[in-house]
């Protein structure tokens, strides 16, 4: 089992013919992802060869869905065109839109997030590494060869820390790993992933990675208290961040004591979540849980 993405997922890539889209499409294909097409209005009707596999290019998301049955799109469109690309995917009714693009203006993210409300499209990102269900499908830029399938669910704001945690626990493996992104406005949240992992019978425990700024982790703690029965361990990036400095992700802004790593740690520990001071300590805490199960 998995969340949001599995071996049956039929994936298209918006921006497949650009440099980043081409590079990561090749990587996704190599990891077994069922990529059925790309989208570029200027190159509709062409095909792109990926190591002997010809992937067709469509003029729109709607055309790609109609011709291929696609239900996932991965967006590698440049920032100034990303809003229209995501709205196009939403209007076409695709089930999952994974928005990799970094540097999308916040007001654009707000607009496509609002446009998705009440529609069937789940957005992951923007400014995220995507998600992977090891051994089945990989939608985004997460390295596919650093872990394997297993009982742990992972949700993370940070792309780099997603990779580190996958590697640290590679011998145990993961059901799905979801990088939600660290921008001020994102689609899928910690809470959405926690809810999905709680419902997934093959996920036995959950790692949650947050970071300084905002109150997403505090809200996740409240959700865990009321809705999550599986063990959760967490790491909050930014314990050593100097006070008064804006660092890292655009969402990592601290106001007074709110949004600090310590405040988030206390909120999580108050509901029974074990919080590591480092990624490696967090991995050790998870390892102890799995070994005792």
C-alpha atoms as a PDB file:
ATOM      1  CA  UNK A   1       0.000   0.000   0.000  1.00  0.00           C
ATOM      2  CA  UNK A   2       0.962   3.649  -0.297  1.00  0.00           C
ATOM      3  CA  UNK A   3      -0.490   7.132  -0.240  1.00  0.00           C
ATOM      4  CA  UNK A   4      -1.289   9.351  -3.231  1.00  0.00           C
ATOM      5  CA  UNK A   5       0.939   7.436  -5.707  1.00  0.00           C
ATOM      6  CA  UNK A   6       1.309   3.783  -6.698  1.00  0.00           C
ATOM      7  CA  UNK A   7       2.350   1.458  -9.520  1.00  0.00           C
ATOM      8  CA  UNK A   8      -0.954   2.102 -11.315  1.00  0.00           C
ATOM      9  CA  UNK A   9      -0.414   5.873 -11.430  1.00  0.00           C
ATOM     10  CA  UNK A  10      -0.230   7.198 -14.985  1.00  0.00           C
ATOM     11  CA  UNK A  11       2.046  10.234 -14.978  1.00  0.00           C
ATOM     12  CA  UNK A  12       2.452  13.157 -17.375  1.00  0.00           C
ATOM     13  CA  UNK A  13       5.111  15.861 -17.145  1.00  0.00           C
ATOM     14  CA  UNK A  14       4.277  19.501 -17.796  1.00  0.00           C
ATOM     15  CA  UNK A  15       7.520  21.016 -19.032  1.00  0.00           C
ATOM     16  CA  UNK A  16       8.970  17.649 -20.053  1.00  0.00           C
ATOM     17  CA  UNK A  17      10.841  19.151 -23.000  1.00  0.00           C
ATOM     18  CA  UNK A  18      12.709  21.730 -20.879  1.00  0.00           C
ATOM     19  CA  UNK A  19      16.137  20.951 -19.425  1.00  0.00           C
ATOM     20  CA  UNK A  20      14.953  20.094 -15.904  1.00  0.00           C
ATOM     21  CA  UNK A  21      11.872  18.297 -17.172  1.00  0.00           C
ATOM     22  CA  UNK A  22      13.920  16.179 -19.572  1.00  0.00           C
ATOM     23  CA  UNK A  23      16.537  15.292 -16.959  1.00  0.00           C
ATOM     24  CA  UNK A  24      14.067  14.267 -14.292  1.00  0.00           C
ATOM     25  CA  UNK A  25      11.695  12.510 -16.677  1.00  0.00           C
ATOM     26  CA  UNK A  26      14.614  10.245 -17.577  1.00  0.00           C
ATOM     27  CA  UNK A  27      15.256   9.603 -13.883  1.00  0.00           C
ATOM     28  CA  UNK A  28      11.606   8.910 -13.146  1.00  0.00           C
ATOM     29  CA  UNK A  29      11.392   6.463 -16.044  1.00  0.00           C
ATOM     30  CA  UNK A  30      14.565   4.710 -14.869  1.00  0.00           C
ATOM     31  CA  UNK A  31      12.982   4.216 -11.440  1.00  0.00           C
ATOM     32  CA  UNK A  32       9.928   2.527 -12.951  1.00  0.00           C
ATOM     33  CA  UNK A  33       7.445   5.402 -13.047  1.00  0.00           C
ATOM     34  CA  UNK A  34       4.735   4.918 -15.676  1.00  0.00           C
ATOM     35  CA  UNK A  35       5.192   8.182 -17.594  1.00  0.00           C
ATOM     36  CA  UNK A  36       2.663   8.284 -20.420  1.00  0.00           C
ATOM     37  CA  UNK A  37       3.253  11.750 -21.888  1.00  0.00           C
ATOM     38  CA  UNK A  38       4.508  15.291 -21.680  1.00  0.00           C
ATOM     39  CA  UNK A  39       2.749  18.605 -22.190  1.00  0.00           C
ATOM     40  CA  UNK A  40       4.063  21.493 -24.295  1.00  0.00           C
ATOM     41  CA  UNK A  41       1.605  23.399 -26.528  1.00  0.00           C
ATOM     42  CA  UNK A  42       4.401  24.349 -28.927  1.00  0.00           C
ATOM     43  CA  UNK A  43       5.544  20.756 -29.438  1.00  0.00           C
ATOM     44  CA  UNK A  44       2.244  18.886 -29.553  1.00  0.00           C
ATOM     45  CA  UNK A  45       2.409  15.800 -31.739  1.00  0.00           C
ATOM     46  CA  UNK A  46       6.139  15.278 -31.272  1.00  0.00           C
ATOM     47  CA  UNK A  47       7.763  12.492 -29.273  1.00  0.00           C
ATOM     48  CA  UNK A  48      10.821  12.549 -27.041  1.00  0.00           C
ATOM     49  CA  UNK A  49      13.132   9.556 -26.929  1.00  0.00           C
ATOM     50  CA  UNK A  50      14.250   8.392 -23.494  1.00  0.00           C
ATOM     51  CA  UNK A  51      16.712   5.546 -23.906  1.00  0.00           C
ATOM     52  CA  UNK A  52      14.638   3.951 -26.630  1.00  0.00           C
ATOM     53  CA  UNK A  53      11.260   4.760 -25.110  1.00  0.00           C
ATOM     54  CA  UNK A  54       9.260   7.302 -27.133  1.00  0.00           C
ATOM     55  CA  UNK A  55       7.131   9.540 -24.914  1.00  0.00           C
ATOM     56  CA  UNK A  56       4.462  11.580 -26.754  1.00  0.00           C
ATOM     57  CA  UNK A  57       4.037  15.319 -26.251  1.00  0.00           C
ATOM     58  CA  UNK A  58       0.502  16.740 -26.019  1.00  0.00           C
ATOM     59  CA  UNK A  59      -0.757  20.266 -26.450  1.00  0.00           C
ATOM     60  CA  UNK A  60      -2.685  20.350 -23.177  1.00  0.00           C
ATOM     61  CA  UNK A  61      -3.258  18.435 -19.971  1.00  0.00           C
ATOM     62  CA  UNK A  62      -6.803  17.662 -21.107  1.00  0.00           C
ATOM     63  CA  UNK A  63      -5.502  16.147 -24.356  1.00  0.00           C
ATOM     64  CA  UNK A  64      -2.940  14.078 -22.471  1.00  0.00           C
ATOM     65  CA  UNK A  65      -5.537  12.790 -20.027  1.00  0.00           C
ATOM     66  CA  UNK A  66      -7.974  11.932 -22.790  1.00  0.00           C
ATOM     67  CA  UNK A  67      -5.352  10.054 -24.829  1.00  0.00           C
ATOM     68  CA  UNK A  68      -3.457   8.300 -22.030  1.00  0.00           C
ATOM     69  CA  UNK A  69      -5.721   8.105 -18.977  1.00  0.00           C
ATOM     70  CA  UNK A  70      -3.170  10.112 -16.967  1.00  0.00           C
ATOM     71  CA  UNK A  71      -4.091  10.818 -13.353  1.00  0.00           C
ATOM     72  CA  UNK A  72      -0.875  12.506 -12.111  1.00  0.00           C
ATOM     73  CA  UNK A  73       1.031  15.496 -13.461  1.00  0.00           C
ATOM     74  CA  UNK A  74       4.508  16.630 -12.439  1.00  0.00           C
ATOM     75  CA  UNK A  75       5.067  20.333 -13.094  1.00  0.00           C
ATOM     76  CA  UNK A  76       8.523  21.542 -14.172  1.00  0.00           C
ATOM     77  CA  UNK A  77       7.219  24.763 -15.730  1.00  0.00           C
ATOM     78  CA  UNK A  78       9.223  27.998 -15.084  1.00  0.00           C
ATOM     79  CA  UNK A  79       7.892  30.201 -12.255  1.00  0.00           C
ATOM     80  CA  UNK A  80       6.175  32.847 -14.382  1.00  0.00           C
ATOM     81  CA  UNK A  81       4.154  30.208 -16.248  1.00  0.00           C
ATOM     82  CA  UNK A  82       3.569  27.820 -13.342  1.00  0.00           C
ATOM     83  CA  UNK A  83       0.269  29.301 -12.160  1.00  0.00           C
ATOM     84  CA  UNK A  84      -1.396  28.843 -15.544  1.00  0.00           C
ATOM     85  CA  UNK A  85       0.055  25.320 -15.824  1.00  0.00           C
ATOM     86  CA  UNK A  86      -1.368  24.255 -12.467  1.00  0.00           C
ATOM     87  CA  UNK A  87      -4.746  25.874 -13.144  1.00  0.00           C
ATOM     88  CA  UNK A  88      -4.856  24.077 -16.492  1.00  0.00           C
ATOM     89  CA  UNK A  89      -4.255  20.757 -14.710  1.00  0.00           C
ATOM     90  CA  UNK A  90      -6.952  21.523 -12.141  1.00  0.00           C
ATOM     91  CA  UNK A  91      -9.461  22.479 -14.846  1.00  0.00           C
ATOM     92  CA  UNK A  92      -8.677  19.248 -16.693  1.00  0.00           C
ATOM     93  CA  UNK A  93      -9.610  17.335 -13.541  1.00  0.00           C
ATOM     94  CA  UNK A  94      -6.339  15.545 -12.903  1.00  0.00           C
ATOM     95  CA  UNK A  95      -6.196  13.785  -9.563  1.00  0.00           C
ATOM     96  CA  UNK A  96      -2.710  14.808  -8.413  1.00  0.00           C
ATOM     97  CA  UNK A  97      -0.524  17.772  -9.388  1.00  0.00           C
ATOM     98  CA  UNK A  98       3.055  17.674  -8.094  1.00  0.00           C
ATOM     99  CA  UNK A  99       4.500  21.174  -8.417  1.00  0.00           C
ATOM    100  CA  UNK A 100       8.299  20.998  -8.336  1.00  0.00           C
ATOM    101  CA  UNK A 101       8.933  24.578  -9.504  1.00  0.00           C
ATOM    102  CA  UNK A 102      10.826  26.839  -7.098  1.00  0.00           C
ATOM    103  CA  UNK A 103      10.351  30.614  -6.959  1.00  0.00           C
ATOM    104  CA  UNK A 104       6.644  30.817  -7.777  1.00  0.00           C
ATOM    105  CA  UNK A 105       5.304  34.158  -6.461  1.00  0.00           C
ATOM    106  CA  UNK A 106       3.226  33.629  -3.334  1.00  0.00           C
ATOM    107  CA  UNK A 107       0.201  35.364  -4.829  1.00  0.00           C
ATOM    108  CA  UNK A 108       0.314  32.908  -7.744  1.00  0.00           C
ATOM    109  CA  UNK A 109       0.408  29.968  -5.316  1.00  0.00           C
ATOM    110  CA  UNK A 110      -2.536  31.471  -3.410  1.00  0.00           C
ATOM    111  CA  UNK A 111      -4.465  31.761  -6.665  1.00  0.00           C
ATOM    112  CA  UNK A 112      -4.006  28.187  -7.828  1.00  0.00           C
ATOM    113  CA  UNK A 113      -4.509  26.861  -4.301  1.00  0.00           C
ATOM    114  CA  UNK A 114      -7.833  28.722  -4.121  1.00  0.00           C
ATOM    115  CA  UNK A 115      -8.751  27.502  -7.593  1.00  0.00           C
ATOM    116  CA  UNK A 116      -8.284  23.905  -6.430  1.00  0.00           C
ATOM    117  CA  UNK A 117     -10.718  24.206  -3.524  1.00  0.00           C
ATOM    118  CA  UNK A 118     -13.769  22.076  -4.151  1.00  0.00           C
ATOM    119  CA  UNK A 119     -12.127  20.419  -7.164  1.00  0.00           C
ATOM    120  CA  UNK A 120     -10.729  16.886  -7.372  1.00  0.00           C
ATOM    121  CA  UNK A 121      -7.065  17.831  -7.783  1.00  0.00           C
ATOM    122  CA  UNK A 122      -4.663  17.333  -4.884  1.00  0.00           C
ATOM    123  CA  UNK A 123      -1.669  19.670  -5.084  1.00  0.00           C
ATOM    124  CA  UNK A 124       1.714  18.733  -3.635  1.00  0.00           C
ATOM    125  CA  UNK A 125       4.129  21.666  -3.448  1.00  0.00           C
ATOM    126  CA  UNK A 126       5.118  24.065  -4.843  1.00  0.00           C
ATOM    127  CA  UNK A 127       8.892  24.182  -4.337  1.00  0.00           C
ATOM    128  CA  UNK A 128       9.023  20.556  -3.289  1.00  0.00           C
ATOM    129  CA  UNK A 129      10.882  17.363  -4.248  1.00  0.00           C
ATOM    130  CA  UNK A 130       7.646  15.489  -4.945  1.00  0.00           C
ATOM    131  CA  UNK A 131       6.804  12.050  -3.638  1.00  0.00           C
ATOM    132  CA  UNK A 132       7.887   8.456  -4.064  1.00  0.00           C
ATOM    133  CA  UNK A 133       6.402   5.084  -3.317  1.00  0.00           C
ATOM    134  CA  UNK A 134       9.576   2.971  -3.395  1.00  0.00           C
ATOM    135  CA  UNK A 135       9.535   0.193  -5.948  1.00  0.00           C
ATOM    136  CA  UNK A 136       6.336   1.481  -7.542  1.00  0.00           C
ATOM    137  CA  UNK A 137       6.395   5.095  -8.696  1.00  0.00           C
ATOM    138  CA  UNK A 138       8.363   8.311  -8.301  1.00  0.00           C
ATOM    139  CA  UNK A 139       6.826  11.696  -9.156  1.00  0.00           C
ATOM    140  CA  UNK A 140       9.409  14.451  -8.808  1.00  0.00           C
ATOM    141  CA  UNK A 141      13.121  14.691  -8.101  1.00  0.00           C
ATOM    142  CA  UNK A 142      13.593  12.329  -5.135  1.00  0.00           C
ATOM    143  CA  UNK A 143      16.464   9.873  -5.743  1.00  0.00           C
ATOM    144  CA  UNK A 144      14.900   6.448  -6.198  1.00  0.00           C
ATOM    145  CA  UNK A 145      17.928   4.355  -5.244  1.00  0.00           C
ATOM    146  CA  UNK A 146      18.491   5.453  -1.635  1.00  0.00           C
ATOM    147  CA  UNK A 147      15.788   3.386   0.028  1.00  0.00           C
ATOM    148  CA  UNK A 148      13.337   0.524  -0.459  1.00  0.00           C
ATOM    149  CA  UNK A 149       9.725  -0.371   0.293  1.00  0.00           C
ATOM    150  CA  UNK A 150       8.943  -0.765   3.985  1.00  0.00           C
ATOM    151  CA  UNK A 151       6.650   0.148   6.880  1.00  0.00           C
ATOM    152  CA  UNK A 152       7.535   3.820   7.500  1.00  0.00           C
ATOM    153  CA  UNK A 153       5.653   6.828   6.170  1.00  0.00           C
ATOM    154  CA  UNK A 154       7.584  10.081   5.736  1.00  0.00           C
ATOM    155  CA  UNK A 155       6.267  13.623   5.326  1.00  0.00           C
ATOM    156  CA  UNK A 156       8.730  16.500   5.149  1.00  0.00           C
ATOM    157  CA  UNK A 157       8.933  20.226   4.455  1.00  0.00           C
ATOM    158  CA  UNK A 158      12.586  19.909   3.423  1.00  0.00           C
ATOM    159  CA  UNK A 159      13.757  18.136   0.288  1.00  0.00           C
ATOM    160  CA  UNK A 160      17.291  17.533   1.508  1.00  0.00           C
ATOM    161  CA  UNK A 161      16.130  16.198   4.854  1.00  0.00           C
ATOM    162  CA  UNK A 162      13.682  13.928   3.034  1.00  0.00           C
ATOM    163  CA  UNK A 163      16.638  12.328   1.275  1.00  0.00           C
ATOM    164  CA  UNK A 164      18.698  12.104   4.446  1.00  0.00           C
ATOM    165  CA  UNK A 165      15.925  10.390   6.404  1.00  0.00           C
ATOM    166  CA  UNK A 166      15.266   7.959   3.566  1.00  0.00           C
ATOM    167  CA  UNK A 167      18.958   7.078   3.532  1.00  0.00           C
ATOM    168  CA  UNK A 168      19.285   6.829   7.318  1.00  0.00           C
ATOM    169  CA  UNK A 169      16.410   4.327   7.454  1.00  0.00           C
ATOM    170  CA  UNK A 170      17.103   2.634   4.111  1.00  0.00           C
ATOM    171  CA  UNK A 171      17.385  -0.809   5.668  1.00  0.00           C
ATOM    172  CA  UNK A 172      13.848  -0.535   7.074  1.00  0.00           C
ATOM    173  CA  UNK A 173      12.212   1.145   4.080  1.00  0.00           C
ATOM    174  CA  UNK A 174       9.184   3.326   3.427  1.00  0.00           C
ATOM    175  CA  UNK A 175       5.586   2.976   2.292  1.00  0.00           C
ATOM    176  CA  UNK A 176       5.627   6.479   0.762  1.00  0.00           C
ATOM    177  CA  UNK A 177       7.780   9.585   1.171  1.00  0.00           C
ATOM    178  CA  UNK A 178       6.111  12.949   0.575  1.00  0.00           C
ATOM    179  CA  UNK A 179       7.999  16.233   0.284  1.00  0.00           C
ATOM    180  CA  UNK A 180       5.361  18.926   0.812  1.00  0.00           C
ATOM    181  CA  UNK A 181       7.614  21.972   0.347  1.00  0.00           C
ATOM    182  CA  UNK A 182       8.405  24.859   2.642  1.00  0.00           C
ATOM    183  CA  UNK A 183       6.764  27.843   0.935  1.00  0.00           C
ATOM    184  CA  UNK A 184       4.253  29.956   2.905  1.00  0.00           C
ATOM    185  CA  UNK A 185       1.384  28.560   0.810  1.00  0.00           C
ATOM    186  CA  UNK A 186       1.376  24.870  -0.110  1.00  0.00           C
ATOM    187  CA  UNK A 187      -1.249  22.382  -1.199  1.00  0.00           C
ATOM    188  CA  UNK A 188      -0.889  19.132   0.760  1.00  0.00           C
ATOM    189  CA  UNK A 189       0.040  19.705   4.408  1.00  0.00           C
ATOM    190  CA  UNK A 190       1.565  17.645   7.198  1.00  0.00           C
ATOM    191  CA  UNK A 191      -1.983  16.977   8.403  1.00  0.00           C
ATOM    192  CA  UNK A 192      -3.127  15.684   4.993  1.00  0.00           C
ATOM    193  CA  UNK A 193      -0.214  13.244   4.854  1.00  0.00           C
ATOM    194  CA  UNK A 194      -0.657  12.172   8.489  1.00  0.00           C
ATOM    195  CA  UNK A 195      -4.320  11.430   7.806  1.00  0.00           C
ATOM    196  CA  UNK A 196      -3.433   9.363   4.743  1.00  0.00           C
ATOM    197  CA  UNK A 197      -0.690   7.426   6.546  1.00  0.00           C
ATOM    198  CA  UNK A 198      -3.047   6.730   9.452  1.00  0.00           C
ATOM    199  CA  UNK A 199      -5.508   5.190   6.971  1.00  0.00           C
ATOM    200  CA  UNK A 200      -2.852   3.146   5.137  1.00  0.00           C
ATOM    201  CA  UNK A 201      -2.709  -0.372   6.614  1.00  0.00           C
ATOM    202  CA  UNK A 202       0.884  -0.971   5.522  1.00  0.00           C
ATOM    203  CA  UNK A 203       2.270   2.163   7.192  1.00  0.00           C
ATOM    204  CA  UNK A 204       3.223   1.159  10.725  1.00  0.00           C
ATOM    205  CA  UNK A 205       4.930   4.366  11.913  1.00  0.00           C
ATOM    206  CA  UNK A 206       5.429   7.911  10.662  1.00  0.00           C
ATOM    207  CA  UNK A 207       8.355  10.343  10.478  1.00  0.00           C
ATOM    208  CA  UNK A 208       7.405  14.020  10.265  1.00  0.00           C
ATOM    209  CA  UNK A 209      10.019  16.638   9.371  1.00  0.00           C
ATOM    210  CA  UNK A 210       9.210  20.285   9.956  1.00  0.00           C
ATOM    211  CA  UNK A 211      11.172  23.479  10.247  1.00  0.00           C
ATOM    212  CA  UNK A 212      11.089  26.856  11.949  1.00  0.00           C
ATOM    213  CA  UNK A 213       8.436  29.401  10.990  1.00  0.00           C
ATOM    214  CA  UNK A 214       4.668  29.334  10.894  1.00  0.00           C
ATOM    215  CA  UNK A 215       2.489  27.028  12.962  1.00  0.00           C
ATOM    216  CA  UNK A 216       2.075  23.986  10.697  1.00  0.00           C
ATOM    217  CA  UNK A 217       3.834  21.674  13.142  1.00  0.00           C
ATOM    218  CA  UNK A 218       1.747  22.893  16.090  1.00  0.00           C
ATOM    219  CA  UNK A 219      -1.425  22.271  14.091  1.00  0.00           C
ATOM    220  CA  UNK A 220      -0.096  18.841  13.142  1.00  0.00           C
ATOM    221  CA  UNK A 221       0.490  18.104  16.827  1.00  0.00           C
ATOM    222  CA  UNK A 222      -3.146  18.918  17.618  1.00  0.00           C
ATOM    223  CA  UNK A 223      -4.258  16.657  14.764  1.00  0.00           C
ATOM    224  CA  UNK A 224      -2.033  13.811  15.965  1.00  0.00           C
ATOM    225  CA  UNK A 225      -3.516  14.056  19.454  1.00  0.00           C
ATOM    226  CA  UNK A 226      -7.046  13.584  18.159  1.00  0.00           C
ATOM    227  CA  UNK A 227      -6.641  11.420  15.068  1.00  0.00           C
ATOM    228  CA  UNK A 228      -3.374   9.455  14.830  1.00  0.00           C
ATOM    229  CA  UNK A 229      -2.935   6.132  16.615  1.00  0.00           C
ATOM    230  CA  UNK A 230       0.347   5.113  14.973  1.00  0.00           C
ATOM    231  CA  UNK A 231       3.695   6.114  16.515  1.00  0.00           C
ATOM    232  CA  UNK A 232       5.123   9.369  15.169  1.00  0.00           C
ATOM    233  CA  UNK A 233       8.657  10.709  15.493  1.00  0.00           C
ATOM    234  CA  UNK A 234       9.646  14.167  14.349  1.00  0.00           C
ATOM    235  CA  UNK A 235      12.515  16.468  13.571  1.00  0.00           C
ATOM    236  CA  UNK A 236      12.273  20.251  13.432  1.00  0.00           C
ATOM    237  CA  UNK A 237      15.007  21.932  11.403  1.00  0.00           C
ATOM    238  CA  UNK A 238      16.332  25.173  12.842  1.00  0.00           C
ATOM    239  CA  UNK A 239      17.294  24.580  16.496  1.00  0.00           C
ATOM    240  CA  UNK A 240      20.531  26.484  15.908  1.00  0.00           C
ATOM    241  CA  UNK A 241      19.064  29.290  13.761  1.00  0.00           C
ATOM    242  CA  UNK A 242      20.096  32.717  15.085  1.00  0.00           C
ATOM    243  CA  UNK A 243      17.197  34.789  16.421  1.00  0.00           C
ATOM    244  CA  UNK A 244      15.932  37.547  14.144  1.00  0.00           C
ATOM    245  CA  UNK A 245      17.322  36.050  10.946  1.00  0.00           C
ATOM    246  CA  UNK A 246      15.160  34.935   8.010  1.00  0.00           C
ATOM    247  CA  UNK A 247      16.654  31.678   6.812  1.00  0.00           C
ATOM    248  CA  UNK A 248      16.029  28.924   4.321  1.00  0.00           C
ATOM    249  CA  UNK A 249      12.522  28.501   2.974  1.00  0.00           C
ATOM    250  CA  UNK A 250      10.290  31.484   2.401  1.00  0.00           C
ATOM    251  CA  UNK A 251       7.952  30.100   5.054  1.00  0.00           C
ATOM    252  CA  UNK A 252      10.629  29.942   7.748  1.00  0.00           C
ATOM    253  CA  UNK A 253       9.764  33.253   9.414  1.00  0.00           C
ATOM    254  CA  UNK A 254       9.672  33.482  13.215  1.00  0.00           C
ATOM    255  CA  UNK A 255       7.560  36.003  15.133  1.00  0.00           C
ATOM    256  CA  UNK A 256       8.543  36.273  18.796  1.00  0.00           C
ATOM    257  CA  UNK A 257       8.477  32.821  20.375  1.00  0.00           C
ATOM    258  CA  UNK A 258       5.969  31.519  17.817  1.00  0.00           C
ATOM    259  CA  UNK A 259       7.468  29.375  15.103  1.00  0.00           C
ATOM    260  CA  UNK A 260      10.690  28.481  16.911  1.00  0.00           C
ATOM    261  CA  UNK A 261      12.059  24.965  16.845  1.00  0.00           C
ATOM    262  CA  UNK A 262      11.732  24.740  20.629  1.00  0.00           C
ATOM    263  CA  UNK A 263       8.057  25.751  20.568  1.00  0.00           C
ATOM    264  CA  UNK A 264       7.330  23.157  17.900  1.00  0.00           C
ATOM    265  CA  UNK A 265       9.263  20.478  19.774  1.00  0.00           C
ATOM    266  CA  UNK A 266       7.288  21.172  22.950  1.00  0.00           C
ATOM    267  CA  UNK A 267       3.952  21.063  21.119  1.00  0.00           C
ATOM    268  CA  UNK A 268       4.814  17.725  19.514  1.00  0.00           C
ATOM    269  CA  UNK A 269       6.206  16.147  22.671  1.00  0.00           C
ATOM    270  CA  UNK A 270       3.093  17.224  24.581  1.00  0.00           C
ATOM    271  CA  UNK A 271       1.031  14.851  22.411  1.00  0.00           C
ATOM    272  CA  UNK A 272       3.459  11.945  22.668  1.00  0.00           C
ATOM    273  CA  UNK A 273       5.592  12.512  19.574  1.00  0.00           C
ATOM    274  CA  UNK A 274       9.274  11.797  20.095  1.00  0.00           C
ATOM    275  CA  UNK A 275      11.384  14.623  18.667  1.00  0.00           C
ATOM    276  CA  UNK A 276      15.031  14.204  17.729  1.00  0.00           C
ATOM    277  CA  UNK A 277      17.528  17.035  18.064  1.00  0.00           C
ATOM    278  CA  UNK A 278      19.220  15.913  14.834  1.00  0.00           C
ATOM    279  CA  UNK A 279      18.082  13.915  11.797  1.00  0.00           C
ATOM    280  CA  UNK A 280      20.247  10.997  12.909  1.00  0.00           C
ATOM    281  CA  UNK A 281      18.740  10.999  16.398  1.00  0.00           C
ATOM    282  CA  UNK A 282      15.274  11.086  14.835  1.00  0.00           C
ATOM    283  CA  UNK A 283      16.156   8.080  12.695  1.00  0.00           C
ATOM    284  CA  UNK A 284      17.379   6.254  15.807  1.00  0.00           C
ATOM    285  CA  UNK A 285      14.087   6.963  17.585  1.00  0.00           C
ATOM    286  CA  UNK A 286      12.172   5.524  14.652  1.00  0.00           C
ATOM    287  CA  UNK A 287      14.456   2.499  14.492  1.00  0.00           C
ATOM    288  CA  UNK A 288      13.725   1.755  18.169  1.00  0.00           C
ATOM    289  CA  UNK A 289       9.974   1.910  17.492  1.00  0.00           C
ATOM    290  CA  UNK A 290      10.129  -0.454  14.516  1.00  0.00           C
ATOM    291  CA  UNK A 291      12.400  -2.918  16.301  1.00  0.00           C
ATOM    292  CA  UNK A 292      10.056  -3.059  19.315  1.00  0.00           C
ATOM    293  CA  UNK A 293       6.968  -3.596  17.147  1.00  0.00           C
END
